[in-house]
Amino acid sequence: LRNGFMFPRVGELFRDFYDNHLPFRLTGAQKRVVKEIRSDCTSGHQMNRLSQGDVGSGKTLVALMSMLLASDNGFQSCMMAPTEILARQHFASISKMLSGTSCEGRVAVLTGSTKTRERREILERTLRGEVLILIGTHALIEDRVQFDNLGLVVIDEQHRFGVGQRAKLSAKGE
């Protein structure tokens, strides 16, 4: 087992989201998975978890809550999706869910078609730690994408990425 970052604290970002901004009640399965992820994130070992469910079953919400745990413990997160359309959908839904929270405006999206000026700004903000959650496509694994303190990587439709691509993204947190 490889050492992993620990997220022992359930802090203000998670609590505020859970108490005041949750878009719908969590199902029993979602609560169980969030609890299991919390347990994994206090073990000191690197977590590798596969979340399965139908479209609309709340996987993105569970991922967001995991990313908020990372943020509460001083870490950034990223979410890699296989297509620009999916990355932008995740960005829109996560931004909407975080509207009115202290995370609002601290989520960014980076794809191959991101314009040069916007890309430069996103990269600078990410390196400074101002971006808490960076969502994107394969663009996230480019060498010039650097994080201040990456602690959690979420890969959507992971079977659409190679082992090397997933490893390169995870290595940005070492």
N, C-alpha and C. Protein backbone atom coordinates (compact mmCIF):
# COMPACT_ATOMS: atom_id res chain seq x y z
N LEU A 1 0.84 -1.19 0.00
CA LEU A 1 0.00 0.00 0.00
C LEU A 1 0.88 1.25 0.00
N ARG A 2 0.46 2.22 -0.80
CA ARG A 2 1.17 3.49 -0.83
C ARG A 2 0.57 4.43 0.20
N ASN A 3 1.42 5.29 0.75
CA ASN A 3 0.92 6.28 1.69
C ASN A 3 0.00 7.25 0.96
N GLY A 4 -1.02 7.69 1.65
CA GLY A 4 -1.95 8.66 1.09
C GLY A 4 -2.07 9.83 2.03
N PHE A 5 -2.65 10.90 1.53
CA PHE A 5 -2.89 12.07 2.36
C PHE A 5 -4.07 11.76 3.28
N MET A 6 -4.01 12.35 4.45
CA MET A 6 -5.10 12.12 5.41
C MET A 6 -6.00 13.36 5.44
N PHE A 7 -7.31 13.10 5.47
CA PHE A 7 -8.31 14.16 5.58
C PHE A 7 -9.13 13.89 6.84
N PRO A 8 -8.56 14.09 8.02
CA PRO A 8 -9.27 13.73 9.25
C PRO A 8 -10.38 14.71 9.64
N ARG A 9 -10.29 15.93 9.12
CA ARG A 9 -11.18 17.00 9.56
C ARG A 9 -12.41 17.11 8.66
N VAL A 10 -13.57 17.11 9.28
CA VAL A 10 -14.80 17.49 8.58
C VAL A 10 -15.00 18.94 8.97
N GLY A 11 -14.72 19.83 8.04
CA GLY A 11 -14.68 21.24 8.37
C GLY A 11 -15.86 22.04 7.84
N GLU A 12 -15.65 23.34 7.81
CA GLU A 12 -16.70 24.29 7.48
C GLU A 12 -17.24 24.12 6.07
N LEU A 13 -16.38 23.85 5.09
CA LEU A 13 -16.85 23.73 3.70
C LEU A 13 -17.82 22.55 3.57
N PHE A 14 -17.41 21.40 4.09
CA PHE A 14 -18.26 20.21 4.03
C PHE A 14 -19.56 20.43 4.81
N ARG A 15 -19.40 20.91 6.04
CA ARG A 15 -20.58 21.08 6.91
C ARG A 15 -21.58 22.08 6.32
N ASP A 16 -21.07 23.22 5.83
CA ASP A 16 -21.97 24.23 5.25
C ASP A 16 -22.70 23.65 4.04
N PHE A 17 -21.97 22.93 3.19
CA PHE A 17 -22.60 22.34 2.02
C PHE A 17 -23.66 21.32 2.44
N TYR A 18 -23.29 20.43 3.35
CA TYR A 18 -24.20 19.37 3.79
C TYR A 18 -25.45 19.95 4.47
N ASP A 19 -25.24 20.93 5.34
CA ASP A 19 -26.35 21.48 6.13
C ASP A 19 -27.22 22.45 5.34
N ASN A 20 -26.63 23.21 4.41
CA ASN A 20 -27.34 24.33 3.80
C ASN A 20 -27.49 24.31 2.29
N HIS A 21 -26.74 23.47 1.59
CA HIS A 21 -26.73 23.56 0.13
C HIS A 21 -26.95 22.23 -0.59
N LEU A 22 -27.13 21.18 0.15
CA LEU A 22 -27.34 19.87 -0.47
C LEU A 22 -28.57 19.95 -1.37
N PRO A 23 -28.42 19.62 -2.66
CA PRO A 23 -29.55 19.80 -3.59
C PRO A 23 -30.69 18.81 -3.39
N PHE A 24 -30.41 17.70 -2.72
CA PHE A 24 -31.44 16.70 -2.43
C PHE A 24 -30.95 15.84 -1.29
N ARG A 25 -31.87 15.12 -0.66
CA ARG A 25 -31.51 14.23 0.45
C ARG A 25 -30.65 13.09 -0.06
N LEU A 26 -29.62 12.76 0.67
CA LEU A 26 -28.79 11.62 0.30
C LEU A 26 -29.54 10.32 0.54
N THR A 27 -29.32 9.38 -0.36
CA THR A 27 -29.89 8.05 -0.18
C THR A 27 -29.04 7.31 0.85
N GLY A 28 -29.54 6.20 1.31
CA GLY A 28 -28.77 5.38 2.24
C GLY A 28 -27.44 4.94 1.64
N ALA A 29 -27.47 4.57 0.36
CA ALA A 29 -26.24 4.14 -0.32
C ALA A 29 -25.24 5.29 -0.42
N GLN A 30 -25.72 6.49 -0.74
CA GLN A 30 -24.82 7.64 -0.82
C GLN A 30 -24.20 7.95 0.54
N LYS A 31 -25.01 7.91 1.58
CA LYS A 31 -24.49 8.14 2.93
C LYS A 31 -23.42 7.11 3.28
N ARG A 32 -23.69 5.85 2.95
CA ARG A 32 -22.73 4.78 3.24
C ARG A 32 -21.42 5.02 2.49
N VAL A 33 -21.49 5.38 1.21
CA VAL A 33 -20.27 5.59 0.42
C VAL A 33 -19.49 6.79 0.95
N VAL A 34 -20.17 7.87 1.28
CA VAL A 34 -19.48 9.04 1.84
C VAL A 34 -18.78 8.65 3.14
N LYS A 35 -19.46 7.87 3.97
CA LYS A 35 -18.88 7.41 5.24
C LYS A 35 -17.65 6.52 4.99
N GLU A 36 -17.75 5.63 4.00
CA GLU A 36 -16.61 4.77 3.66
C GLU A 36 -15.44 5.60 3.14
N ILE A 37 -15.73 6.59 2.31
CA ILE A 37 -14.66 7.46 1.78
C ILE A 37 -14.01 8.23 2.93
N ARG A 38 -14.83 8.73 3.84
CA ARG A 38 -14.28 9.43 5.01
C ARG A 38 -13.34 8.52 5.78
N SER A 39 -13.75 7.27 5.97
CA SER A 39 -12.92 6.30 6.68
C SER A 39 -11.62 6.07 5.93
N ASP A 40 -11.71 5.87 4.61
CA ASP A 40 -10.51 5.69 3.79
C ASP A 40 -9.57 6.88 3.91
N CYS A 41 -10.14 8.08 3.99
CA CYS A 41 -9.34 9.30 4.00
C CYS A 41 -8.70 9.59 5.36
N THR A 42 -8.94 8.73 6.33
CA THR A 42 -8.26 8.88 7.62
C THR A 42 -7.32 7.70 7.87
N SER A 43 -7.19 6.80 6.89
CA SER A 43 -6.39 5.58 7.08
C SER A 43 -4.89 5.81 6.90
N GLY A 44 -4.52 6.86 6.16
CA GLY A 44 -3.11 7.08 5.87
C GLY A 44 -2.63 6.33 4.64
N HIS A 45 -3.51 5.54 4.04
CA HIS A 45 -3.17 4.80 2.82
C HIS A 45 -3.86 5.44 1.63
N GLN A 46 -3.24 5.32 0.48
CA GLN A 46 -3.84 5.86 -0.73
C GLN A 46 -5.16 5.14 -1.02
N MET A 47 -6.19 5.91 -1.29
CA MET A 47 -7.51 5.34 -1.57
C MET A 47 -7.66 5.19 -3.07
N ASN A 48 -8.13 4.04 -3.49
CA ASN A 48 -8.55 3.80 -4.87
C ASN A 48 -9.94 3.21 -4.77
N ARG A 49 -10.92 3.93 -5.26
CA ARG A 49 -12.31 3.51 -5.08
C ARG A 49 -13.04 3.67 -6.40
N LEU A 50 -13.87 2.70 -6.72
CA LEU A 50 -14.70 2.75 -7.91
C LEU A 50 -16.14 2.93 -7.46
N SER A 51 -16.75 4.02 -7.89
CA SER A 51 -18.16 4.26 -7.58
C SER A 51 -18.98 3.96 -8.82
N GLN A 52 -19.93 3.06 -8.67
CA GLN A 52 -20.78 2.69 -9.79
C GLN A 52 -22.21 3.08 -9.49
N GLY A 53 -22.93 3.45 -10.53
CA GLY A 53 -24.34 3.78 -10.38
C GLY A 53 -24.88 4.27 -11.70
N ASP A 54 -26.18 4.23 -11.80
CA ASP A 54 -26.83 4.71 -13.01
C ASP A 54 -26.62 6.21 -13.19
N VAL A 55 -26.84 6.68 -14.42
CA VAL A 55 -26.82 8.12 -14.68
C VAL A 55 -27.87 8.76 -13.78
N GLY A 56 -27.48 9.83 -13.09
CA GLY A 56 -28.41 10.52 -12.21
C GLY A 56 -28.51 9.93 -10.81
N SER A 57 -27.64 8.99 -10.49
CA SER A 57 -27.71 8.35 -9.17
C SER A 57 -26.96 9.11 -8.09
N GLY A 58 -26.28 10.20 -8.45
CA GLY A 58 -25.62 11.03 -7.44
C GLY A 58 -24.13 10.78 -7.27
N LYS A 59 -23.49 10.16 -8.24
CA LYS A 59 -22.04 9.91 -8.14
C LYS A 59 -21.27 11.23 -8.08
N THR A 60 -21.69 12.22 -8.88
CA THR A 60 -20.99 13.51 -8.89
C THR A 60 -21.12 14.19 -7.53
N LEU A 61 -22.29 14.08 -6.91
CA LEU A 61 -22.49 14.67 -5.59
C LEU A 61 -21.56 14.02 -4.57
N VAL A 62 -21.44 12.70 -4.61
CA VAL A 62 -20.53 11.99 -3.70
C VAL A 62 -19.09 12.43 -3.95
N ALA A 63 -18.72 12.57 -5.23
CA ALA A 63 -17.37 13.04 -5.56
C ALA A 63 -17.15 14.45 -5.02
N LEU A 64 -18.14 15.32 -5.19
CA LEU A 64 -18.03 16.69 -4.68
C LEU A 64 -17.85 16.70 -3.16
N MET A 65 -18.61 15.90 -2.46
CA MET A 65 -18.48 15.87 -1.00
C MET A 65 -17.09 15.38 -0.59
N SER A 66 -16.53 14.45 -1.36
CA SER A 66 -15.16 13.98 -1.10
C SER A 66 -14.16 15.11 -1.35
N MET A 67 -14.40 15.88 -2.41
CA MET A 67 -13.50 16.99 -2.72
C MET A 67 -13.59 18.09 -1.67
N LEU A 68 -14.77 18.28 -1.09
CA LEU A 68 -14.91 19.26 -0.01
C LEU A 68 -14.16 18.80 1.24
N LEU A 69 -14.16 17.50 1.51
CA LEU A 69 -13.35 16.98 2.62
C LEU A 69 -11.87 17.29 2.39
N ALA A 70 -11.42 17.10 1.15
CA ALA A 70 -10.03 17.42 0.82
C ALA A 70 -9.76 18.90 1.08
N SER A 71 -10.67 19.76 0.61
CA SER A 71 -10.51 21.21 0.79
C SER A 71 -10.46 21.59 2.26
N ASP A 72 -11.32 20.97 3.06
CA ASP A 72 -11.34 21.25 4.50
C ASP A 72 -10.02 20.88 5.18
N ASN A 73 -9.24 20.02 4.52
CA ASN A 73 -7.97 19.59 5.09
C ASN A 73 -6.77 20.20 4.36
N GLY A 74 -7.03 21.27 3.60
CA GLY A 74 -5.94 22.04 2.98
C GLY A 74 -5.48 21.52 1.63
N PHE A 75 -6.26 20.68 0.99
CA PHE A 75 -5.86 20.11 -0.30
C PHE A 75 -6.77 20.57 -1.44
N GLN A 76 -6.20 20.57 -2.62
CA GLN A 76 -6.97 20.79 -3.84
C GLN A 76 -7.40 19.45 -4.40
N SER A 77 -8.39 19.48 -5.29
CA SER A 77 -8.87 18.29 -5.97
C SER A 77 -8.96 18.57 -7.45
N CYS A 78 -8.96 17.50 -8.22
CA CYS A 78 -9.25 17.64 -9.64
C CYS A 78 -10.14 16.49 -10.07
N MET A 79 -10.88 16.74 -11.13
CA MET A 79 -11.77 15.73 -11.70
C MET A 79 -11.51 15.70 -13.20
N MET A 80 -11.10 14.53 -13.70
CA MET A 80 -10.81 14.39 -15.12
C MET A 80 -11.94 13.59 -15.78
N ALA A 81 -12.46 14.15 -16.87
CA ALA A 81 -13.52 13.52 -17.64
C ALA A 81 -13.01 13.25 -19.06
N PRO A 82 -13.55 12.24 -19.74
CA PRO A 82 -13.01 11.86 -21.04
C PRO A 82 -13.36 12.80 -22.20
N THR A 83 -14.39 13.64 -22.03
CA THR A 83 -14.76 14.54 -23.12
C THR A 83 -14.95 15.95 -22.59
N GLU A 84 -14.82 16.91 -23.48
CA GLU A 84 -15.03 18.31 -23.09
C GLU A 84 -16.47 18.54 -22.66
N ILE A 85 -17.41 17.93 -23.35
CA ILE A 85 -18.82 18.09 -23.00
C ILE A 85 -19.07 17.62 -21.56
N LEU A 86 -18.54 16.45 -21.22
CA LEU A 86 -18.73 15.91 -19.87
C LEU A 86 -18.01 16.77 -18.83
N ALA A 87 -16.80 17.23 -19.14
CA ALA A 87 -16.07 18.10 -18.20
C ALA A 87 -16.87 19.38 -17.94
N ARG A 88 -17.40 19.97 -18.99
CA ARG A 88 -18.18 21.20 -18.83
C ARG A 88 -19.50 20.95 -18.09
N GLN A 89 -20.10 19.78 -18.29
CA GLN A 89 -21.31 19.43 -17.53
C GLN A 89 -20.99 19.31 -16.05
N HIS A 90 -19.87 18.63 -15.72
CA HIS A 90 -19.46 18.52 -14.31
C HIS A 90 -19.19 19.89 -13.72
N PHE A 91 -18.49 20.73 -14.48
CA PHE A 91 -18.19 22.09 -14.02
C PHE A 91 -19.48 22.85 -13.72
N ALA A 92 -20.44 22.77 -14.64
CA ALA A 92 -21.71 23.49 -14.45
C ALA A 92 -22.47 22.97 -13.24
N SER A 93 -22.57 21.64 -13.10
CA SER A 93 -23.35 21.09 -11.99
C SER A 93 -22.67 21.34 -10.65
N ILE A 94 -21.35 21.19 -10.60
CA ILE A 94 -20.63 21.43 -9.34
C ILE A 94 -20.67 22.92 -8.99
N SER A 95 -20.49 23.79 -9.97
CA SER A 95 -20.57 25.24 -9.71
C SER A 95 -21.94 25.61 -9.18
N LYS A 96 -22.98 25.02 -9.76
CA LYS A 96 -24.35 25.30 -9.32
C LYS A 96 -24.55 24.82 -7.88
N MET A 97 -24.05 23.61 -7.57
CA MET A 97 -24.21 23.09 -6.21
C MET A 97 -23.45 23.92 -5.19
N LEU A 98 -22.34 24.54 -5.61
CA LEU A 98 -21.52 25.33 -4.69
C LEU A 98 -21.91 26.81 -4.66
N SER A 99 -22.91 27.17 -5.44
CA SER A 99 -23.38 28.55 -5.45
C SER A 99 -23.84 28.95 -4.05
N GLY A 100 -23.35 30.10 -3.60
CA GLY A 100 -23.72 30.58 -2.27
C GLY A 100 -22.84 30.05 -1.15
N THR A 101 -21.86 29.21 -1.49
CA THR A 101 -20.92 28.71 -0.48
C THR A 101 -19.61 29.50 -0.59
N SER A 102 -18.72 29.30 0.35
CA SER A 102 -17.43 29.98 0.28
C SER A 102 -16.53 29.38 -0.81
N CYS A 103 -16.97 28.29 -1.44
CA CYS A 103 -16.23 27.70 -2.56
C CYS A 103 -16.64 28.31 -3.89
N GLU A 104 -17.69 29.09 -3.90
CA GLU A 104 -18.18 29.67 -5.15
C GLU A 104 -17.04 30.47 -5.80
N GLY A 105 -16.81 30.22 -7.08
CA GLY A 105 -15.75 30.90 -7.80
C GLY A 105 -14.38 30.26 -7.63
N ARG A 106 -14.30 29.18 -6.87
CA ARG A 106 -13.01 28.51 -6.65
C ARG A 106 -12.94 27.18 -7.37
N VAL A 107 -13.84 27.02 -8.35
CA VAL A 107 -13.88 25.85 -9.21
C VAL A 107 -13.56 26.35 -10.61
N ALA A 108 -12.74 25.61 -11.36
CA ALA A 108 -12.39 26.02 -12.72
C ALA A 108 -12.46 24.81 -13.64
N VAL A 109 -12.58 25.10 -14.93
CA VAL A 109 -12.61 24.03 -15.94
C VAL A 109 -11.51 24.30 -16.96
N LEU A 110 -10.79 23.23 -17.30
CA LEU A 110 -9.67 23.33 -18.24
C LEU A 110 -9.79 22.21 -19.27
N THR A 111 -9.89 22.61 -20.53
CA THR A 111 -9.97 21.63 -21.61
C THR A 111 -9.00 22.03 -22.71
N GLY A 112 -8.90 21.20 -23.71
CA GLY A 112 -8.03 21.50 -24.83
C GLY A 112 -8.42 22.76 -25.56
N SER A 113 -9.69 23.13 -25.50
CA SER A 113 -10.14 24.32 -26.23
C SER A 113 -10.16 25.58 -25.37
N THR A 114 -9.69 25.49 -24.13
CA THR A 114 -9.62 26.68 -23.29
C THR A 114 -8.66 27.68 -23.94
N LYS A 115 -9.12 28.91 -24.11
CA LYS A 115 -8.33 29.96 -24.77
C LYS A 115 -7.07 30.27 -23.96
N THR A 116 -6.02 30.69 -24.66
CA THR A 116 -4.70 30.89 -24.08
C THR A 116 -4.73 31.79 -22.84
N ARG A 117 -5.39 32.94 -22.92
CA ARG A 117 -5.41 33.87 -21.80
C ARG A 117 -6.12 33.27 -20.59
N GLU A 118 -7.27 32.63 -20.85
CA GLU A 118 -8.03 32.00 -19.77
C GLU A 118 -7.24 30.84 -19.17
N ARG A 119 -6.57 30.06 -20.03
CA ARG A 119 -5.75 28.93 -19.58
C ARG A 119 -4.65 29.42 -18.64
N ARG A 120 -3.97 30.50 -19.05
CA ARG A 120 -2.89 31.05 -18.23
C ARG A 120 -3.42 31.46 -16.86
N GLU A 121 -4.57 32.11 -16.84
CA GLU A 121 -5.16 32.56 -15.57
C GLU A 121 -5.53 31.36 -14.69
N ILE A 122 -6.14 30.34 -15.28
CA ILE A 122 -6.53 29.13 -14.52
C ILE A 122 -5.28 28.44 -13.95
N LEU A 123 -4.24 28.32 -14.78
CA LEU A 123 -3.00 27.67 -14.32
C LEU A 123 -2.36 28.44 -13.17
N GLU A 124 -2.35 29.77 -13.27
CA GLU A 124 -1.77 30.60 -12.20
C GLU A 124 -2.58 30.48 -10.92
N ARG A 125 -3.91 30.56 -11.03
CA ARG A 125 -4.78 30.45 -9.86
C ARG A 125 -4.68 29.07 -9.21
N THR A 126 -4.52 28.03 -10.03
CA THR A 126 -4.39 26.67 -9.51
C THR A 126 -3.07 26.52 -8.75
N LEU A 127 -2.00 27.02 -9.32
CA LEU A 127 -0.68 26.93 -8.69
C LEU A 127 -0.64 27.72 -7.38
N ARG A 128 -1.37 28.83 -7.32
CA ARG A 128 -1.42 29.64 -6.09
C ARG A 128 -2.38 29.04 -5.05
N GLY A 129 -3.13 28.01 -5.42
CA GLY A 129 -4.06 27.38 -4.48
C GLY A 129 -5.42 28.06 -4.42
N GLU A 130 -5.67 29.01 -5.31
CA GLU A 130 -6.96 29.71 -5.32
C GLU A 130 -8.07 28.82 -5.90
N VAL A 131 -7.71 27.94 -6.81
CA VAL A 131 -8.68 26.99 -7.36
C VAL A 131 -8.67 25.77 -6.44
N LEU A 132 -9.81 25.48 -5.85
CA LEU A 132 -9.92 24.32 -4.96
C LEU A 132 -10.23 23.06 -5.74
N ILE A 133 -11.03 23.21 -6.81
CA ILE A 133 -11.44 22.06 -7.62
C ILE A 133 -11.21 22.42 -9.09
N LEU A 134 -10.33 21.66 -9.73
CA LEU A 134 -10.07 21.87 -11.16
C LEU A 134 -10.67 20.69 -11.91
N ILE A 135 -11.56 20.99 -12.82
CA ILE A 135 -12.25 19.98 -13.61
C ILE A 135 -11.76 20.09 -15.04
N GLY A 136 -11.52 18.97 -15.69
CA GLY A 136 -11.07 19.06 -17.06
C GLY A 136 -10.99 17.73 -17.77
N THR A 137 -10.38 17.79 -18.93
CA THR A 137 -10.17 16.63 -19.79
C THR A 137 -8.72 16.20 -19.66
N HIS A 138 -8.23 15.51 -20.68
CA HIS A 138 -6.81 15.12 -20.76
C HIS A 138 -5.90 16.33 -20.55
N ALA A 139 -6.41 17.54 -20.76
CA ALA A 139 -5.62 18.75 -20.56
C ALA A 139 -5.01 18.80 -19.16
N LEU A 140 -5.65 18.15 -18.19
CA LEU A 140 -5.15 18.16 -16.81
C LEU A 140 -3.80 17.46 -16.66
N ILE A 141 -3.49 16.52 -17.57
CA ILE A 141 -2.23 15.78 -17.40
C ILE A 141 -1.05 16.45 -18.10
N GLU A 142 -1.30 17.60 -18.76
CA GLU A 142 -0.19 18.33 -19.37
C GLU A 142 0.79 18.77 -18.30
N ASP A 143 2.08 18.77 -18.66
CA ASP A 143 3.12 19.12 -17.69
C ASP A 143 2.94 20.51 -17.08
N ARG A 144 2.42 21.44 -17.86
CA ARG A 144 2.30 22.82 -17.35
C ARG A 144 1.18 22.98 -16.32
N VAL A 145 0.34 21.97 -16.15
CA VAL A 145 -0.70 22.02 -15.12
C VAL A 145 -0.08 21.57 -13.80
N GLN A 146 0.06 22.53 -12.90
CA GLN A 146 0.66 22.25 -11.60
C GLN A 146 -0.26 22.76 -10.50
N PHE A 147 -0.26 22.05 -9.40
CA PHE A 147 -1.11 22.38 -8.27
C PHE A 147 -0.27 22.88 -7.11
N ASP A 148 -0.90 23.65 -6.25
CA ASP A 148 -0.25 24.07 -5.01
C ASP A 148 -0.18 22.88 -4.06
N ASN A 149 -1.31 22.12 -3.95
CA ASN A 149 -1.36 21.04 -2.98
C ASN A 149 -2.47 20.05 -3.35
N LEU A 150 -2.25 19.30 -4.42
CA LEU A 150 -3.26 18.34 -4.89
C LEU A 150 -3.33 17.15 -3.94
N GLY A 151 -4.54 16.85 -3.47
CA GLY A 151 -4.70 15.74 -2.55
C GLY A 151 -5.71 14.70 -2.97
N LEU A 152 -6.59 15.05 -3.94
CA LEU A 152 -7.62 14.10 -4.35
C LEU A 152 -7.84 14.20 -5.85
N VAL A 153 -7.81 13.06 -6.51
CA VAL A 153 -8.05 12.97 -7.95
C VAL A 153 -9.28 12.12 -8.17
N VAL A 154 -10.24 12.65 -8.91
CA VAL A 154 -11.44 11.92 -9.28
C VAL A 154 -11.38 11.74 -10.79
N ILE A 155 -11.54 10.51 -11.24
CA ILE A 155 -11.50 10.23 -12.67
C ILE A 155 -12.85 9.66 -13.07
N ASP A 156 -13.56 10.42 -13.90
CA ASP A 156 -14.86 9.98 -14.37
C ASP A 156 -14.67 9.07 -15.56
N GLU A 157 -15.43 8.01 -15.60
CA GLU A 157 -15.32 7.01 -16.67
C GLU A 157 -13.86 6.58 -16.84
N GLN A 158 -13.27 6.14 -15.74
CA GLN A 158 -11.84 5.83 -15.70
C GLN A 158 -11.42 4.81 -16.75
N HIS A 159 -12.33 3.97 -17.18
CA HIS A 159 -12.00 2.97 -18.21
C HIS A 159 -11.66 3.62 -19.55
N ARG A 160 -11.98 4.91 -19.70
CA ARG A 160 -11.69 5.60 -20.96
C ARG A 160 -10.31 6.22 -20.97
N PHE A 161 -9.57 6.06 -19.88
CA PHE A 161 -8.21 6.57 -19.76
C PHE A 161 -7.25 5.40 -19.56
N GLY A 162 -6.04 5.56 -20.04
CA GLY A 162 -5.03 4.54 -19.83
C GLY A 162 -4.45 4.61 -18.44
N VAL A 163 -3.80 3.53 -18.04
CA VAL A 163 -3.15 3.46 -16.72
C VAL A 163 -2.13 4.58 -16.59
N GLY A 164 -1.35 4.81 -17.65
CA GLY A 164 -0.32 5.85 -17.63
C GLY A 164 -0.91 7.24 -17.46
N GLN A 165 -2.03 7.50 -18.11
CA GLN A 165 -2.68 8.82 -17.99
C GLN A 165 -3.18 9.02 -16.57
N ARG A 166 -3.80 8.00 -16.00
CA ARG A 166 -4.31 8.14 -14.63
C ARG A 166 -3.15 8.31 -13.65
N ALA A 167 -2.07 7.59 -13.85
CA ALA A 167 -0.90 7.68 -12.97
C ALA A 167 -0.24 9.05 -13.07
N LYS A 168 -0.18 9.59 -14.28
CA LYS A 168 0.44 10.92 -14.46
C LYS A 168 -0.35 11.99 -13.71
N LEU A 169 -1.67 11.89 -13.74
CA LEU A 169 -2.48 12.85 -13.02
C LEU A 169 -2.31 12.69 -11.51
N SER A 170 -2.34 11.46 -11.04
CA SER A 170 -2.16 11.21 -9.59
C SER A 170 -0.80 11.68 -9.10
N ALA A 171 0.22 11.56 -9.95
CA ALA A 171 1.58 11.95 -9.57
C ALA A 171 1.71 13.45 -9.31
N LYS A 172 0.78 14.25 -9.81
CA LYS A 172 0.81 15.69 -9.57
C LYS A 172 0.57 16.02 -8.10
N GLY A 173 0.10 15.03 -7.34
CA GLY A 173 -0.13 15.24 -5.92
C GLY A 173 1.02 14.76 -5.05
N GLU A 174 2.10 14.30 -5.66
CA GLU A 174 3.22 13.77 -4.86
C GLU A 174 4.21 14.86 -4.52
